[in-house]
Amino acid sequence: MKSFFWRWFNRLPTPFTKKDLRAGYVYDLAVRQLEVSDTCVFDHPQAGRMWFEGVIRDHLDVGRPDQISLIFDRRINRSVRGTFRTRVVRQGVDPSLCCFYKSSRVKQYFKEGRALRTETVICDTRDFGIGRRVCAGNWNALRAVGELANRRLCDAESADARPAPDVVTFNQVTRPSRNNGLYAPGIRFGDPRAMAVLASVIDFRHLLRGFTNQELAANTSALLNQPYTARQATYDLRRLKRKGLISAVGKTRRYQPTALGRRIGVLFTKTYGRVLAPGLVALDPALPETIAQRTALTRAWRRVDSVLAQFVEKSLIAA
């Protein structure tokens, strides 16, 4: 990079005179923006595309990231008729996944219908405590940050696709336990506070630098829609750490979910958000009939409930 710059230096306009240059006033190169990318090509592109669309769906439900959108490669204005929604996928539409940290971001999309492209763009090196001057030390440090962010995102997505933990692990998480003699209260499945904490922990925004007590409190409070204090966050962080679901980032006060923690978080939040909560709503007897007729589960349940009630009534009369 320096060789390229100095090769063209004499042809570029400069405010420095020869006297200034002899006095030691020269240019120094700085990093304005750095992109570190990784491309994974699928042997079966169609399966890869289906997997990535599943990742997008999970990303919407689990953790609530800053931004996720479908990007059209053509301009949409008032003259274009039709309804445009994220569920409408047609030729020329590329699903894109974006996670932000300060002025930097991680972007992921499916490229040319066969490859998963992951890009980390660092717009301010000071976000990671690295200088902007172009030198070997800063360059290697920035590349390490970008490669680590790409790998963390791919590893997190791979962990989401793994099978659910076994029954023994599930019991260890949901029941009180001891780790190296330290007591850890159980994490109750279905508890609103526990569900909100797990959703905050596995948020993809934490892939770059981890999360702090303050960030956990803010995210959990937003998900609960009620106050969640730093003292409560300290209690939950201690519980999660003793359960082996999170680990400290070096010697800092930042935390990252472990592989087990992400699997537990995905299992709990998916099961609660996609199975338990919608299922209980569908089985609610107070659900209006006009709404009940829209779902097969509600219609089937009400038929079973009606037949069961008739059977009980006849049995009591016969008795």
C-alpha atoms as a PDB file:
ATOM      1  CA  MET A   1       0.000   0.000   0.000  1.00  0.00           C
ATOM      2  CA  LYS A   2       2.783   2.431   0.869  1.00  0.00           C
ATOM      3  CA  SER A   3       4.667   1.531  -2.319  1.00  0.00           C
ATOM      4  CA  PHE A   4       1.547   2.261  -4.373  1.00  0.00           C
ATOM      5  CA  PHE A   5       1.022   5.624  -2.652  1.00  0.00           C
ATOM      6  CA  TRP A   6       4.590   6.872  -3.044  1.00  0.00           C
ATOM      7  CA  ARG A   7       4.676   5.722  -6.660  1.00  0.00           C
ATOM      8  CA  TRP A   8       1.829   8.134  -7.433  1.00  0.00           C
ATOM      9  CA  PHE A   9       2.808  10.813  -4.928  1.00  0.00           C
ATOM     10  CA  ASN A  10       4.656  13.029  -7.437  1.00  0.00           C
ATOM     11  CA  ARG A  11       1.637  13.088  -9.755  1.00  0.00           C
ATOM     12  CA  LEU A  12      -0.850  14.123  -7.059  1.00  0.00           C
ATOM     13  CA  PRO A  13      -1.419  17.757  -6.000  1.00  0.00           C
ATOM     14  CA  THR A  14       0.114  18.535  -2.612  1.00  0.00           C
ATOM     15  CA  PRO A  15       0.383  21.621  -0.396  1.00  0.00           C
ATOM     16  CA  PHE A  16       3.896  20.587   0.694  1.00  0.00           C
ATOM     17  CA  THR A  17       6.842  22.236  -1.013  1.00  0.00           C
ATOM     18  CA  LYS A  18      10.246  20.644  -1.460  1.00  0.00           C
ATOM     19  CA  LYS A  19      11.444  22.706   1.487  1.00  0.00           C
ATOM     20  CA  ASP A  20       8.641  21.264   3.631  1.00  0.00           C
ATOM     21  CA  LEU A  21       9.530  17.744   2.578  1.00  0.00           C
ATOM     22  CA  ARG A  22      13.208  18.283   3.399  1.00  0.00           C
ATOM     23  CA  ALA A  23      12.130  19.610   6.795  1.00  0.00           C
ATOM     24  CA  GLY A  24      10.339  16.332   7.505  1.00  0.00           C
ATOM     25  CA  TYR A  25       6.723  17.282   6.783  1.00  0.00           C
ATOM     26  CA  VAL A  26       5.358  14.273   4.887  1.00  0.00           C
ATOM     27  CA  TYR A  27       2.148  12.336   4.530  1.00  0.00           C
ATOM     28  CA  ASP A  28       1.257   9.369   6.680  1.00  0.00           C
ATOM     29  CA  LEU A  29      -1.302   6.746   5.690  1.00  0.00           C
ATOM     30  CA  ALA A  30      -4.342   5.966   7.828  1.00  0.00           C
ATOM     31  CA  VAL A  31      -7.043   3.311   7.626  1.00  0.00           C
ATOM     32  CA  ARG A  32     -10.356   4.888   6.660  1.00  0.00           C
ATOM     33  CA  GLN A  33     -12.302   1.656   6.185  1.00  0.00           C
ATOM     34  CA  LEU A  34     -11.336  -2.002   6.175  1.00  0.00           C
ATOM     35  CA  GLU A  35     -13.394  -4.947   4.966  1.00  0.00           C
ATOM     36  CA  VAL A  36     -12.617  -8.559   5.859  1.00  0.00           C
ATOM     37  CA  SER A  37     -14.758 -11.075   3.994  1.00  0.00           C
ATOM     38  CA  ASP A  38     -15.295 -14.809   3.902  1.00  0.00           C
ATOM     39  CA  THR A  39     -17.108 -16.856   1.253  1.00  0.00           C
ATOM     40  CA  CYS A  40     -18.471 -20.371   1.764  1.00  0.00           C
ATOM     41  CA  VAL A  41     -19.631 -22.158  -1.396  1.00  0.00           C
ATOM     42  CA  PHE A  42     -22.364 -24.795  -1.012  1.00  0.00           C
ATOM     43  CA  ASP A  43     -22.260 -28.110  -2.889  1.00  0.00           C
ATOM     44  CA  HIS A  44     -26.076 -27.930  -3.066  1.00  0.00           C
ATOM     45  CA  PRO A  45     -26.971 -24.253  -3.623  1.00  0.00           C
ATOM     46  CA  GLN A  46     -30.702 -24.752  -3.178  1.00  0.00           C
ATOM     47  CA  ALA A  47     -30.225 -26.321   0.247  1.00  0.00           C
ATOM     48  CA  GLY A  48     -27.847 -23.511   1.156  1.00  0.00           C
ATOM     49  CA  ARG A  49     -30.375 -20.883   0.166  1.00  0.00           C
ATOM     50  CA  MET A  50     -33.096 -22.591   2.218  1.00  0.00           C
ATOM     51  CA  TRP A  51     -30.740 -22.787   5.198  1.00  0.00           C
ATOM     52  CA  PHE A  52     -29.876 -19.084   4.992  1.00  0.00           C
ATOM     53  CA  GLU A  53     -33.527 -18.067   4.752  1.00  0.00           C
ATOM     54  CA  GLY A  54     -34.097 -20.163   7.876  1.00  0.00           C
ATOM     55  CA  VAL A  55     -31.263 -18.259   9.558  1.00  0.00           C
ATOM     56  CA  ILE A  56     -32.988 -14.967   8.685  1.00  0.00           C
ATOM     57  CA  ARG A  57     -36.254 -16.206  10.169  1.00  0.00           C
ATOM     58  CA  ASP A  58     -34.478 -17.263  13.350  1.00  0.00           C
ATOM     59  CA  HIS A  59     -32.638 -13.961  13.493  1.00  0.00           C
ATOM     60  CA  LEU A  60     -35.937 -12.092  13.501  1.00  0.00           C
ATOM     61  CA  ASP A  61     -37.311 -14.138  16.389  1.00  0.00           C
ATOM     62  CA  VAL A  62     -34.235 -14.710  18.522  1.00  0.00           C
ATOM     63  CA  GLY A  63     -32.398 -11.740  19.986  1.00  0.00           C
ATOM     64  CA  ARG A  64     -34.008  -8.897  18.019  1.00  0.00           C
ATOM     65  CA  PRO A  65     -30.968  -7.477  16.146  1.00  0.00           C
ATOM     66  CA  ASP A  66     -30.670  -3.852  15.014  1.00  0.00           C
ATOM     67  CA  GLN A  67     -31.457  -4.356  11.359  1.00  0.00           C
ATOM     68  CA  ILE A  68     -32.488  -7.121   9.016  1.00  0.00           C
ATOM     69  CA  SER A  69     -34.041  -6.477   5.620  1.00  0.00           C
ATOM     70  CA  LEU A  70     -34.613  -7.705   2.102  1.00  0.00           C
ATOM     71  CA  ILE A  71     -32.717  -5.540  -0.387  1.00  0.00           C
ATOM     72  CA  PHE A  72     -34.117  -5.088  -3.914  1.00  0.00           C
ATOM     73  CA  ASP A  73     -31.674  -4.553  -6.752  1.00  0.00           C
ATOM     74  CA  ARG A  74     -34.034  -2.122  -8.503  1.00  0.00           C
ATOM     75  CA  ARG A  75     -35.627   1.125  -7.452  1.00  0.00           C
ATOM     76  CA  ILE A  76     -39.177   0.974  -6.128  1.00  0.00           C
ATOM     77  CA  ASN A  77     -41.187   4.163  -6.643  1.00  0.00           C
ATOM     78  CA  ARG A  78     -44.840   5.183  -6.698  1.00  0.00           C
ATOM     79  CA  SER A  79     -45.329   4.073 -10.301  1.00  0.00           C
ATOM     80  CA  VAL A  80     -44.586   0.440  -9.386  1.00  0.00           C
ATOM     81  CA  ARG A  81     -47.828  -1.353  -8.526  1.00  0.00           C
ATOM     82  CA  GLY A  82     -48.173  -4.125  -6.011  1.00  0.00           C
ATOM     83  CA  THR A  83     -47.592  -4.794  -2.339  1.00  0.00           C
ATOM     84  CA  PHE A  84     -44.010  -5.231  -1.210  1.00  0.00           C
ATOM     85  CA  ARG A  85     -43.341  -7.240   1.937  1.00  0.00           C
ATOM     86  CA  THR A  86     -40.373  -9.148   3.263  1.00  0.00           C
ATOM     87  CA  ARG A  87     -42.235 -12.380   2.558  1.00  0.00           C
ATOM     88  CA  VAL A  88     -42.382 -11.621  -1.169  1.00  0.00           C
ATOM     89  CA  VAL A  89     -39.242 -13.187  -2.669  1.00  0.00           C
ATOM     90  CA  ARG A  90     -38.766 -12.937  -6.406  1.00  0.00           C
ATOM     91  CA  GLN A  91     -35.928 -12.776  -8.910  1.00  0.00           C
ATOM     92  CA  GLY A  92     -33.608  -9.917  -8.117  1.00  0.00           C
ATOM     93  CA  VAL A  93     -34.114 -10.034  -4.344  1.00  0.00           C
ATOM     94  CA  ASP A  94     -31.171 -10.913  -2.070  1.00  0.00           C
ATOM     95  CA  PRO A  95     -31.743 -11.693   1.620  1.00  0.00           C
ATOM     96  CA  SER A  96     -29.282  -9.723   3.712  1.00  0.00           C
ATOM     97  CA  LEU A  97     -28.376  -9.970   7.393  1.00  0.00           C
ATOM     98  CA  CYS A  98     -26.751  -6.990   9.149  1.00  0.00           C
ATOM     99  CA  CYS A  99     -25.413  -6.603  12.690  1.00  0.00           C
ATOM    100  CA  PHE A 100     -24.008  -3.288  13.944  1.00  0.00           C
ATOM    101  CA  TYR A 101     -21.453  -2.339  16.558  1.00  0.00           C
ATOM    102  CA  LYS A 102     -20.850   1.418  16.869  1.00  0.00           C
ATOM    103  CA  SER A 103     -19.658   2.485  13.398  1.00  0.00           C
ATOM    104  CA  SER A 104     -18.737  -1.038  12.255  1.00  0.00           C
ATOM    105  CA  ARG A 105     -21.023  -3.747  10.917  1.00  0.00           C
ATOM    106  CA  VAL A 106     -21.180  -7.400   9.893  1.00  0.00           C
ATOM    107  CA  LYS A 107     -23.150  -8.160   6.740  1.00  0.00           C
ATOM    108  CA  GLN A 108     -24.105 -11.565   5.400  1.00  0.00           C
ATOM    109  CA  TYR A 109     -25.921 -12.487   2.216  1.00  0.00           C
ATOM    110  CA  PHE A 110     -26.304 -15.326  -0.266  1.00  0.00           C
ATOM    111  CA  LYS A 111     -24.151 -14.488  -3.292  1.00  0.00           C
ATOM    112  CA  GLU A 112     -24.990 -15.573  -6.841  1.00  0.00           C
ATOM    113  CA  GLY A 113     -27.341 -18.264  -5.547  1.00  0.00           C
ATOM    114  CA  ARG A 114     -24.605 -20.621  -4.311  1.00  0.00           C
ATOM    115  CA  ALA A 115     -22.290 -19.011  -1.750  1.00  0.00           C
ATOM    116  CA  LEU A 116     -22.665 -17.539   1.731  1.00  0.00           C
ATOM    117  CA  ARG A 117     -20.802 -14.231   1.860  1.00  0.00           C
ATOM    118  CA  THR A 118     -19.861 -12.775   5.251  1.00  0.00           C
ATOM    119  CA  GLU A 119     -18.329  -9.292   5.402  1.00  0.00           C
ATOM    120  CA  THR A 120     -17.075  -7.348   8.408  1.00  0.00           C
ATOM    121  CA  VAL A 121     -16.590  -3.648   7.655  1.00  0.00           C
ATOM    122  CA  ILE A 122     -14.571  -1.666  10.203  1.00  0.00           C
ATOM    123  CA  CYS A 123     -15.207   2.055   9.730  1.00  0.00           C
ATOM    124  CA  ASP A 124     -13.442   3.283  12.863  1.00  0.00           C
ATOM    125  CA  THR A 125     -10.473   1.334  14.178  1.00  0.00           C
ATOM    126  CA  ARG A 126     -10.813   3.014  17.574  1.00  0.00           C
ATOM    127  CA  ASP A 127     -13.999   1.010  18.143  1.00  0.00           C
ATOM    128  CA  PHE A 128     -11.657  -1.895  18.923  1.00  0.00           C
ATOM    129  CA  GLY A 129      -8.829   0.028  20.590  1.00  0.00           C
ATOM    130  CA  ILE A 130      -6.613  -0.092  17.471  1.00  0.00           C
ATOM    131  CA  GLY A 131      -4.807   2.876  15.917  1.00  0.00           C
ATOM    132  CA  ARG A 132      -5.587   4.196  12.435  1.00  0.00           C
ATOM    133  CA  ARG A 133      -1.993   4.453  11.224  1.00  0.00           C
ATOM    134  CA  VAL A 134      -1.068   1.986   8.480  1.00  0.00           C
ATOM    135  CA  CYS A 135       1.544  -0.338   9.953  1.00  0.00           C
ATOM    136  CA  ALA A 136       2.020  -4.070  10.302  1.00  0.00           C
ATOM    137  CA  GLY A 137       0.766  -4.170  13.902  1.00  0.00           C
ATOM    138  CA  ASN A 138      -2.467  -2.290  13.254  1.00  0.00           C
ATOM    139  CA  TRP A 139      -3.078  -4.118   9.983  1.00  0.00           C
ATOM    140  CA  ASN A 140      -2.737  -7.577  11.569  1.00  0.00           C
ATOM    141  CA  ALA A 141      -4.875  -6.569  14.554  1.00  0.00           C
ATOM    142  CA  LEU A 142      -7.670  -5.285  12.310  1.00  0.00           C
ATOM    143  CA  ARG A 143      -7.598  -8.421  10.180  1.00  0.00           C
ATOM    144  CA  ALA A 144      -7.805 -10.541  13.330  1.00  0.00           C
ATOM    145  CA  VAL A 145     -10.878  -8.590  14.501  1.00  0.00           C
ATOM    146  CA  GLY A 146     -12.609  -9.027  11.136  1.00  0.00           C
ATOM    147  CA  GLU A 147     -11.800 -12.719  10.799  1.00  0.00           C
ATOM    148  CA  LEU A 148     -12.918 -13.389  14.380  1.00  0.00           C
ATOM    149  CA  ALA A 149     -16.233 -11.582  13.823  1.00  0.00           C
ATOM    150  CA  ASN A 150     -16.909 -13.570  10.638  1.00  0.00           C
ATOM    151  CA  ARG A 151     -16.088 -16.845  12.346  1.00  0.00           C
ATOM    152  CA  ARG A 152     -18.229 -16.021  15.385  1.00  0.00           C
ATOM    153  CA  LEU A 153     -21.243 -15.261  13.219  1.00  0.00           C
ATOM    154  CA  CYS A 154     -20.877 -18.495  11.229  1.00  0.00           C
ATOM    155  CA  ASP A 155     -20.258 -20.516  14.405  1.00  0.00           C
ATOM    156  CA  ALA A 156     -23.327 -19.006  16.048  1.00  0.00           C
ATOM    157  CA  GLU A 157     -25.489 -19.885  13.048  1.00  0.00           C
ATOM    158  CA  SER A 158     -24.073 -23.418  13.023  1.00  0.00           C
ATOM    159  CA  ALA A 159     -24.841 -23.774  16.733  1.00  0.00           C
ATOM    160  CA  ASP A 160     -28.424 -22.700  16.068  1.00  0.00           C
ATOM    161  CA  ALA A 161     -28.821 -25.546  13.577  1.00  0.00           C
ATOM    162  CA  ARG A 162     -27.545 -28.258  15.929  1.00  0.00           C
ATOM    163  CA  PRO A 163     -29.909 -30.686  17.676  1.00  0.00           C
ATOM    164  CA  ALA A 164     -31.449 -29.718  20.999  1.00  0.00           C
ATOM    165  CA  PRO A 165     -29.516 -30.578  24.190  1.00  0.00           C
ATOM    166  CA  ASP A 166     -30.187 -33.927  25.857  1.00  0.00           C
ATOM    167  CA  VAL A 167     -32.554 -34.412  28.783  1.00  0.00           C
ATOM    168  CA  VAL A 168     -29.754 -34.467  31.367  1.00  0.00           C
ATOM    169  CA  THR A 169     -28.441 -31.088  30.200  1.00  0.00           C
ATOM    170  CA  PHE A 170     -31.968 -29.703  30.139  1.00  0.00           C
ATOM    171  CA  ASN A 171     -32.508 -30.780  33.756  1.00  0.00           C
ATOM    172  CA  GLN A 172     -29.178 -29.288  34.848  1.00  0.00           C
ATOM    173  CA  VAL A 173     -30.213 -25.937  33.385  1.00  0.00           C
ATOM    174  CA  THR A 174     -33.779 -25.836  34.668  1.00  0.00           C
ATOM    175  CA  ARG A 175     -33.044 -27.200  38.153  1.00  0.00           C
ATOM    176  CA  PRO A 176     -30.745 -25.874  40.888  1.00  0.00           C
ATOM    177  CA  SER A 177     -27.203 -27.215  40.566  1.00  0.00           C
ATOM    178  CA  ARG A 178     -23.661 -26.764  41.847  1.00  0.00           C
ATOM    179  CA  ASN A 179     -20.570 -25.998  39.785  1.00  0.00           C
ATOM    180  CA  ASN A 180     -17.226 -26.301  41.635  1.00  0.00           C
ATOM    181  CA  GLY A 181     -19.161 -26.008  44.881  1.00  0.00           C
ATOM    182  CA  LEU A 182     -20.963 -22.813  43.799  1.00  0.00           C
ATOM    183  CA  TYR A 183     -24.760 -22.858  43.937  1.00  0.00           C
ATOM    184  CA  ALA A 184     -26.626 -21.934  40.743  1.00  0.00           C
ATOM    185  CA  PRO A 185     -30.422 -21.456  40.802  1.00  0.00           C
ATOM    186  CA  GLY A 186     -32.419 -23.111  38.050  1.00  0.00           C
ATOM    187  CA  ILE A 187     -33.515 -21.241  34.925  1.00  0.00           C
ATOM    188  CA  ARG A 188     -37.229 -21.923  34.659  1.00  0.00           C
ATOM    189  CA  PHE A 189     -38.520 -22.527  31.177  1.00  0.00           C
ATOM    190  CA  GLY A 190     -41.422 -20.195  30.379  1.00  0.00           C
ATOM    191  CA  ASP A 191     -40.508 -17.623  33.020  1.00  0.00           C
ATOM    192  CA  PRO A 192     -40.794 -14.215  31.264  1.00  0.00           C
ATOM    193  CA  ARG A 193     -37.627 -12.867  32.864  1.00  0.00           C
ATOM    194  CA  ALA A 194     -35.600 -15.973  32.004  1.00  0.00           C
ATOM    195  CA  MET A 195     -36.862 -15.946  28.408  1.00  0.00           C
ATOM    196  CA  ALA A 196     -36.005 -12.263  27.991  1.00  0.00           C
ATOM    197  CA  VAL A 197     -32.509 -12.729  29.465  1.00  0.00           C
ATOM    198  CA  LEU A 198     -31.732 -15.673  27.167  1.00  0.00           C
ATOM    199  CA  ALA A 199     -33.017 -13.752  24.140  1.00  0.00           C
ATOM    200  CA  SER A 200     -30.750 -10.837  25.067  1.00  0.00           C
ATOM    201  CA  VAL A 201     -27.722 -13.086  25.617  1.00  0.00           C
ATOM    202  CA  ILE A 202     -27.914 -14.754  22.184  1.00  0.00           C
ATOM    203  CA  ASP A 203     -28.458 -11.454  20.378  1.00  0.00           C
ATOM    204  CA  PHE A 204     -26.200 -11.350  17.293  1.00  0.00           C
ATOM    205  CA  ARG A 205     -25.175  -7.786  18.160  1.00  0.00           C
ATOM    206  CA  HIS A 206     -22.889  -9.252  20.836  1.00  0.00           C
ATOM    207  CA  LEU A 207     -20.720 -11.176  18.367  1.00  0.00           C
ATOM    208  CA  LEU A 208     -18.119  -8.437  17.978  1.00  0.00           C
ATOM    209  CA  ARG A 209     -17.305  -7.425  21.540  1.00  0.00           C
ATOM    210  CA  GLY A 210     -19.632  -9.335  23.838  1.00  0.00           C
ATOM    211  CA  PHE A 211     -22.077  -7.623  26.199  1.00  0.00           C
ATOM    212  CA  THR A 212     -21.901  -5.888  29.553  1.00  0.00           C
ATOM    213  CA  ASN A 213     -24.182  -5.790  32.568  1.00  0.00           C
ATOM    214  CA  GLN A 214     -25.589  -2.454  31.399  1.00  0.00           C
ATOM    215  CA  GLU A 215     -26.310  -3.710  27.867  1.00  0.00           C
ATOM    216  CA  LEU A 216     -27.992  -6.842  29.204  1.00  0.00           C
ATOM    217  CA  ALA A 217     -30.181  -4.738  31.482  1.00  0.00           C
ATOM    218  CA  ALA A 218     -31.209  -2.411  28.633  1.00  0.00           C
ATOM    219  CA  ASN A 219     -32.040  -5.229  26.185  1.00  0.00           C
ATOM    220  CA  THR A 220     -33.895  -7.317  28.759  1.00  0.00           C
ATOM    221  CA  SER A 221     -35.894  -4.325  29.965  1.00  0.00           C
ATOM    222  CA  ALA A 222     -36.983  -3.623  26.383  1.00  0.00           C
ATOM    223  CA  LEU A 223     -38.062  -7.242  25.841  1.00  0.00           C
ATOM    224  CA  LEU A 224     -39.920  -7.407  29.167  1.00  0.00           C
ATOM    225  CA  ASN A 225     -41.460  -3.954  28.635  1.00  0.00           C
ATOM    226  CA  GLN A 226     -40.848  -3.238  32.315  1.00  0.00           C
ATOM    227  CA  PRO A 227     -37.914  -2.116  34.491  1.00  0.00           C
ATOM    228  CA  TYR A 228     -35.010  -4.555  34.786  1.00  0.00           C
ATOM    229  CA  THR A 229     -32.240  -3.271  37.024  1.00  0.00           C
ATOM    230  CA  ALA A 230     -28.478  -3.741  36.941  1.00  0.00           C
ATOM    231  CA  ARG A 231     -28.737  -5.662  40.232  1.00  0.00           C
ATOM    232  CA  GLN A 232     -31.088  -8.166  38.602  1.00  0.00           C
ATOM    233  CA  ALA A 233     -28.680  -8.412  35.654  1.00  0.00           C
ATOM    234  CA  THR A 234     -25.801  -9.157  38.056  1.00  0.00           C
ATOM    235  CA  TYR A 235     -27.807 -11.986  39.616  1.00  0.00           C
ATOM    236  CA  ASP A 236     -28.685 -13.463  36.209  1.00  0.00           C
ATOM    237  CA  LEU A 237     -25.121 -13.126  34.903  1.00  0.00           C
ATOM    238  CA  ARG A 238     -23.805 -15.023  37.936  1.00  0.00           C
ATOM    239  CA  ARG A 239     -26.430 -17.731  37.418  1.00  0.00           C
ATOM    240  CA  LEU A 240     -25.690 -18.058  33.686  1.00  0.00           C
ATOM    241  CA  LYS A 241     -21.937 -18.198  34.269  1.00  0.00           C
ATOM    242  CA  ARG A 242     -22.215 -20.924  36.908  1.00  0.00           C
ATOM    243  CA  LYS A 243     -24.471 -22.892  34.564  1.00  0.00           C
ATOM    244  CA  GLY A 244     -21.785 -22.678  31.870  1.00  0.00           C
ATOM    245  CA  LEU A 245     -24.019 -20.705  29.485  1.00  0.00           C
ATOM    246  CA  ILE A 246     -21.779 -17.614  29.266  1.00  0.00           C
ATOM    247  CA  SER A 247     -18.084 -16.896  29.739  1.00  0.00           C
ATOM    248  CA  ALA A 248     -16.072 -13.736  30.363  1.00  0.00           C
ATOM    249  CA  VAL A 249     -14.183 -12.150  27.453  1.00  0.00           C
ATOM    250  CA  GLY A 250     -10.571 -12.197  28.637  1.00  0.00           C
ATOM    251  CA  LYS A 251     -10.104 -10.159  31.803  1.00  0.00           C
ATOM    252  CA  THR A 252     -12.841  -7.692  30.902  1.00  0.00           C
ATOM    253  CA  ARG A 253     -16.359  -7.337  32.259  1.00  0.00           C
ATOM    254  CA  ARG A 254     -17.839  -8.372  28.942  1.00  0.00           C
ATOM    255  CA  TYR A 255     -19.441 -11.752  28.339  1.00  0.00           C
ATOM    256  CA  GLN A 256     -20.078 -14.092  25.427  1.00  0.00           C
ATOM    257  CA  PRO A 257     -22.530 -16.993  25.198  1.00  0.00           C
ATOM    258  CA  THR A 258     -20.844 -20.395  25.095  1.00  0.00           C
ATOM    259  CA  ALA A 259     -21.775 -23.051  22.539  1.00  0.00           C
ATOM    260  CA  LEU A 260     -24.013 -24.679  25.161  1.00  0.00           C
ATOM    261  CA  GLY A 261     -25.483 -21.312  26.098  1.00  0.00           C
ATOM    262  CA  ARG A 262     -26.462 -20.515  22.520  1.00  0.00           C
ATOM    263  CA  ARG A 263     -28.048 -23.944  22.045  1.00  0.00           C
ATOM    264  CA  ILE A 264     -30.018 -23.613  25.291  1.00  0.00           C
ATOM    265  CA  GLY A 265     -31.046 -20.059  24.418  1.00  0.00           C
ATOM    266  CA  VAL A 266     -32.213 -21.007  20.944  1.00  0.00           C
ATOM    267  CA  LEU A 267     -34.127 -24.037  22.255  1.00  0.00           C
ATOM    268  CA  PHE A 268     -35.879 -22.085  25.012  1.00  0.00           C
ATOM    269  CA  THR A 269     -36.769 -18.999  22.992  1.00  0.00           C
ATOM    270  CA  LYS A 270     -37.861 -20.909  19.878  1.00  0.00           C
ATOM    271  CA  THR A 271     -39.977 -23.385  21.823  1.00  0.00           C
ATOM    272  CA  TYR A 272     -41.567 -20.662  23.923  1.00  0.00           C
ATOM    273  CA  GLY A 273     -42.096 -18.167  21.085  1.00  0.00           C
ATOM    274  CA  ARG A 274     -43.169 -20.565  18.327  1.00  0.00           C
ATOM    275  CA  VAL A 275     -44.819 -23.489  20.131  1.00  0.00           C
ATOM    276  CA  LEU A 276     -45.930 -22.749  23.696  1.00  0.00           C
ATOM    277  CA  ALA A 277     -47.210 -19.174  23.458  1.00  0.00           C
ATOM    278  CA  PRO A 278     -49.053 -19.537  20.105  1.00  0.00           C
ATOM    279  CA  GLY A 279     -50.376 -22.955  21.159  1.00  0.00           C
ATOM    280  CA  LEU A 280     -51.851 -21.669  24.415  1.00  0.00           C
ATOM    281  CA  VAL A 281     -53.485 -18.785  22.564  1.00  0.00           C
ATOM    282  CA  ALA A 282     -54.998 -21.195  20.038  1.00  0.00           C
ATOM    283  CA  LEU A 283     -56.412 -23.372  22.854  1.00  0.00           C
ATOM    284  CA  ASP A 284     -57.911 -20.462  24.773  1.00  0.00           C
ATOM    285  CA  PRO A 285     -61.678 -21.108  25.217  1.00  0.00           C
ATOM    286  CA  ALA A 286     -62.322 -17.339  25.221  1.00  0.00           C
ATOM    287  CA  LEU A 287     -60.926 -16.978  21.702  1.00  0.00           C
ATOM    288  CA  PRO A 288     -63.637 -15.536  19.394  1.00  0.00           C
ATOM    289  CA  GLU A 289     -65.133 -18.028  16.970  1.00  0.00           C
ATOM    290  CA  THR A 290     -64.226 -15.899  13.933  1.00  0.00           C
ATOM    291  CA  ILE A 291     -60.552 -16.091  14.917  1.00  0.00           C
ATOM    292  CA  ALA A 292     -60.724 -19.714  16.066  1.00  0.00           C
ATOM    293  CA  GLN A 293     -61.806 -20.888  12.620  1.00  0.00           C
ATOM    294  CA  ARG A 294     -58.586 -19.581  11.072  1.00  0.00           C
ATOM    295  CA  THR A 295     -56.288 -22.222  12.597  1.00  0.00           C
ATOM    296  CA  ALA A 296     -56.494 -26.000  12.214  1.00  0.00           C
ATOM    297  CA  LEU A 297     -55.272 -26.538  15.785  1.00  0.00           C
ATOM    298  CA  THR A 298     -58.108 -24.500  17.309  1.00  0.00           C
ATOM    299  CA  ARG A 299     -60.747 -26.170  15.145  1.00  0.00           C
ATOM    300  CA  ALA A 300     -59.471 -29.650  15.998  1.00  0.00           C
ATOM    301  CA  TRP A 301     -59.170 -28.848  19.709  1.00  0.00           C
ATOM    302  CA  ARG A 302     -62.705 -27.494  19.923  1.00  0.00           C
ATOM    303  CA  ARG A 303     -64.075 -30.588  18.189  1.00  0.00           C
ATOM    304  CA  VAL A 304     -62.234 -32.820  20.654  1.00  0.00           C
ATOM    305  CA  ASP A 305     -63.408 -30.674  23.573  1.00  0.00           C
ATOM    306  CA  SER A 306     -67.016 -30.842  22.353  1.00  0.00           C
ATOM    307  CA  VAL A 307     -66.938 -34.627  21.873  1.00  0.00           C
ATOM    308  CA  LEU A 308     -65.267 -35.096  25.256  1.00  0.00           C
ATOM    309  CA  ALA A 309     -67.907 -32.961  26.973  1.00  0.00           C
ATOM    310  CA  GLN A 310     -70.691 -34.986  25.334  1.00  0.00           C
ATOM    311  CA  PHE A 311     -69.039 -38.251  26.391  1.00  0.00           C
ATOM    312  CA  VAL A 312     -68.709 -37.101  30.021  1.00  0.00           C
ATOM    313  CA  GLU A 313     -72.331 -35.888  30.079  1.00  0.00           C
ATOM    314  CA  LYS A 314     -73.677 -39.192  28.714  1.00  0.00           C
ATOM    315  CA  SER A 315     -71.514 -41.193  31.129  1.00  0.00           C
ATOM    316  CA  LEU A 316     -72.836 -39.214  34.102  1.00  0.00           C
ATOM    317  CA  ILE A 317     -76.442 -39.667  32.966  1.00  0.00           C
ATOM    318  CA  ALA A 318     -75.913 -43.412  32.544  1.00  0.00           C
ATOM    319  CA  ALA A 319     -74.356 -43.619  35.994  1.00  0.00           C
END
